[in-house]
């Protein structure tokens, strides 16, 4: 059964734990099978790449996945971590930041 997360692609998130604690970045990918997210500019690791027709080989820096429990949505007002709620504005269901009440 697929799990539903409150964090979506292109959300701005704050890292809560790990070596990059406190950093913010945009979510590039959400992996629902393993409950992980890839955040731009966070959790950078070195990857050894073989040369191919498209690219030269060498050591590249790439973003590795973080567990989804280690990130939280950034509040639109303050930029600090906040929880997410849902409400209806007219006929449309929208996500909002619990701290400020603004739509995410």
C-alpha atoms as a PDB file:
ATOM      1  CA  UNK A   1       0.000   0.000   0.000  1.00  0.00           C
ATOM      2  CA  UNK A   2       1.314   3.416  -0.950  1.00  0.00           C
ATOM      3  CA  UNK A   3       1.980   5.867   1.855  1.00  0.00           C
ATOM      4  CA  UNK A   4       0.838   9.500   1.510  1.00  0.00           C
ATOM      5  CA  UNK A   5       3.288  12.184   2.611  1.00  0.00           C
ATOM      6  CA  UNK A   6       2.668  15.854   3.321  1.00  0.00           C
ATOM      7  CA  UNK A   7       5.953  16.785   1.620  1.00  0.00           C
ATOM      8  CA  UNK A   8       5.763  17.132  -2.153  1.00  0.00           C
ATOM      9  CA  UNK A   9       8.239  17.834  -4.955  1.00  0.00           C
ATOM     10  CA  UNK A  10       9.311  21.525  -5.227  1.00  0.00           C
ATOM     11  CA  UNK A  11       8.532  22.232  -1.534  1.00  0.00           C
ATOM     12  CA  UNK A  12      11.098  24.177   0.480  1.00  0.00           C
ATOM     13  CA  UNK A  13      12.164  22.102   3.480  1.00  0.00           C
ATOM     14  CA  UNK A  14      14.430  22.450   6.529  1.00  0.00           C
ATOM     15  CA  UNK A  15      16.708  19.589   7.600  1.00  0.00           C
ATOM     16  CA  UNK A  16      16.029  18.635  11.239  1.00  0.00           C
ATOM     17  CA  UNK A  17      18.751  16.026  11.875  1.00  0.00           C
ATOM     18  CA  UNK A  18      22.057  14.823  10.489  1.00  0.00           C
ATOM     19  CA  UNK A  19      25.228  16.448   9.225  1.00  0.00           C
ATOM     20  CA  UNK A  20      23.275  19.124   7.325  1.00  0.00           C
ATOM     21  CA  UNK A  21      20.970  20.097  10.206  1.00  0.00           C
ATOM     22  CA  UNK A  22      19.527  23.585   9.741  1.00  0.00           C
ATOM     23  CA  UNK A  23      20.062  23.776   5.976  1.00  0.00           C
ATOM     24  CA  UNK A  24      17.158  24.515   3.655  1.00  0.00           C
ATOM     25  CA  UNK A  25      16.566  23.383   0.115  1.00  0.00           C
ATOM     26  CA  UNK A  26      14.028  22.456  -2.516  1.00  0.00           C
ATOM     27  CA  UNK A  27      12.743  18.874  -2.742  1.00  0.00           C
ATOM     28  CA  UNK A  28      13.867  17.353  -6.034  1.00  0.00           C
ATOM     29  CA  UNK A  29      12.332  13.896  -5.620  1.00  0.00           C
ATOM     30  CA  UNK A  30      10.146  11.966  -3.165  1.00  0.00           C
ATOM     31  CA  UNK A  31      10.703   8.181  -3.000  1.00  0.00           C
ATOM     32  CA  UNK A  32       7.536   6.765  -1.443  1.00  0.00           C
ATOM     33  CA  UNK A  33       8.726   3.136  -1.396  1.00  0.00           C
ATOM     34  CA  UNK A  34      11.564   3.882   1.039  1.00  0.00           C
ATOM     35  CA  UNK A  35      10.138   7.053   2.702  1.00  0.00           C
ATOM     36  CA  UNK A  36      12.987   9.233   1.488  1.00  0.00           C
ATOM     37  CA  UNK A  37      13.425  12.639  -0.144  1.00  0.00           C
ATOM     38  CA  UNK A  38      16.233  14.156  -2.206  1.00  0.00           C
ATOM     39  CA  UNK A  39      16.852  17.819  -1.325  1.00  0.00           C
ATOM     40  CA  UNK A  40      18.811  20.219  -3.528  1.00  0.00           C
ATOM     41  CA  UNK A  41      22.207  21.119  -2.055  1.00  0.00           C
ATOM     42  CA  UNK A  42      21.818  18.892   1.030  1.00  0.00           C
ATOM     43  CA  UNK A  43      23.490  15.565   1.935  1.00  0.00           C
ATOM     44  CA  UNK A  44      26.144  15.842  -0.779  1.00  0.00           C
ATOM     45  CA  UNK A  45      28.156  12.657  -1.351  1.00  0.00           C
ATOM     46  CA  UNK A  46      30.986  11.821  -3.735  1.00  0.00           C
ATOM     47  CA  UNK A  47      30.175   9.277  -6.437  1.00  0.00           C
ATOM     48  CA  UNK A  48      32.696   7.551  -8.681  1.00  0.00           C
ATOM     49  CA  UNK A  49      31.424   7.524 -12.278  1.00  0.00           C
ATOM     50  CA  UNK A  50      32.747   5.485 -15.175  1.00  0.00           C
ATOM     51  CA  UNK A  51      33.282   7.325 -18.454  1.00  0.00           C
ATOM     52  CA  UNK A  52      30.606   6.853 -21.107  1.00  0.00           C
ATOM     53  CA  UNK A  53      29.667   8.331 -24.465  1.00  0.00           C
ATOM     54  CA  UNK A  54      27.651  11.106 -22.805  1.00  0.00           C
ATOM     55  CA  UNK A  55      30.010  12.133 -19.978  1.00  0.00           C
ATOM     56  CA  UNK A  56      33.587  11.908 -18.828  1.00  0.00           C
ATOM     57  CA  UNK A  57      34.382   9.735 -15.852  1.00  0.00           C
ATOM     58  CA  UNK A  58      35.591  10.920 -12.491  1.00  0.00           C
ATOM     59  CA  UNK A  59      34.310  11.792  -9.050  1.00  0.00           C
ATOM     60  CA  UNK A  60      31.020  13.700  -8.985  1.00  0.00           C
ATOM     61  CA  UNK A  61      29.213  15.346  -6.089  1.00  0.00           C
ATOM     62  CA  UNK A  62      25.539  14.329  -5.971  1.00  0.00           C
ATOM     63  CA  UNK A  63      22.659  14.713  -3.512  1.00  0.00           C
ATOM     64  CA  UNK A  64      21.827  11.548  -1.594  1.00  0.00           C
ATOM     65  CA  UNK A  65      18.390  10.783  -0.178  1.00  0.00           C
ATOM     66  CA  UNK A  66      17.357  11.715   3.373  1.00  0.00           C
ATOM     67  CA  UNK A  67      14.676   9.996   5.417  1.00  0.00           C
ATOM     68  CA  UNK A  68      11.451  11.987   5.274  1.00  0.00           C
ATOM     69  CA  UNK A  69      11.273  12.178   9.081  1.00  0.00           C
ATOM     70  CA  UNK A  70      14.467  14.260   9.097  1.00  0.00           C
ATOM     71  CA  UNK A  71      12.957  17.139   7.093  1.00  0.00           C
ATOM     72  CA  UNK A  72      10.063  19.544   7.696  1.00  0.00           C
ATOM     73  CA  UNK A  73       8.306  22.107   5.537  1.00  0.00           C
ATOM     74  CA  UNK A  74       9.758  25.622   5.842  1.00  0.00           C
ATOM     75  CA  UNK A  75       7.263  28.257   6.977  1.00  0.00           C
ATOM     76  CA  UNK A  76       6.616  30.803   4.182  1.00  0.00           C
ATOM     77  CA  UNK A  77       6.944  33.738   6.637  1.00  0.00           C
ATOM     78  CA  UNK A  78       9.885  32.835   8.879  1.00  0.00           C
ATOM     79  CA  UNK A  79      11.645  30.019   7.022  1.00  0.00           C
ATOM     80  CA  UNK A  80      11.629  27.872  10.178  1.00  0.00           C
ATOM     81  CA  UNK A  81      10.318  24.311  10.363  1.00  0.00           C
ATOM     82  CA  UNK A  82       6.563  23.918  10.660  1.00  0.00           C
ATOM     83  CA  UNK A  83       3.919  21.236  10.456  1.00  0.00           C
ATOM     84  CA  UNK A  84       1.391  21.083   7.632  1.00  0.00           C
ATOM     85  CA  UNK A  85      -2.389  21.041   7.826  1.00  0.00           C
ATOM     86  CA  UNK A  86      -5.166  20.882   5.262  1.00  0.00           C
ATOM     87  CA  UNK A  87      -8.198  23.121   4.836  1.00  0.00           C
ATOM     88  CA  UNK A  88     -10.736  23.956   2.172  1.00  0.00           C
ATOM     89  CA  UNK A  89     -10.699  27.361   0.521  1.00  0.00           C
ATOM     90  CA  UNK A  90     -13.922  27.329  -1.450  1.00  0.00           C
ATOM     91  CA  UNK A  91     -13.955  24.055  -3.369  1.00  0.00           C
ATOM     92  CA  UNK A  92     -10.169  23.608  -3.309  1.00  0.00           C
ATOM     93  CA  UNK A  93      -8.216  21.682  -0.645  1.00  0.00           C
ATOM     94  CA  UNK A  94      -4.963  23.503   0.216  1.00  0.00           C
ATOM     95  CA  UNK A  95      -2.016  22.820   2.501  1.00  0.00           C
ATOM     96  CA  UNK A  96      -1.132  25.455   5.087  1.00  0.00           C
ATOM     97  CA  UNK A  97       1.676  26.045   7.590  1.00  0.00           C
ATOM     98  CA  UNK A  98       0.482  25.476  11.162  1.00  0.00           C
ATOM     99  CA  UNK A  99       2.756  28.214  12.601  1.00  0.00           C
ATOM    100  CA  UNK A 100       1.711  31.113  10.371  1.00  0.00           C
ATOM    101  CA  UNK A 101      -1.514  29.870   8.803  1.00  0.00           C
ATOM    102  CA  UNK A 102      -0.275  30.784   5.311  1.00  0.00           C
ATOM    103  CA  UNK A 103      -0.821  28.459   2.341  1.00  0.00           C
ATOM    104  CA  UNK A 104       2.223  26.404   1.383  1.00  0.00           C
END
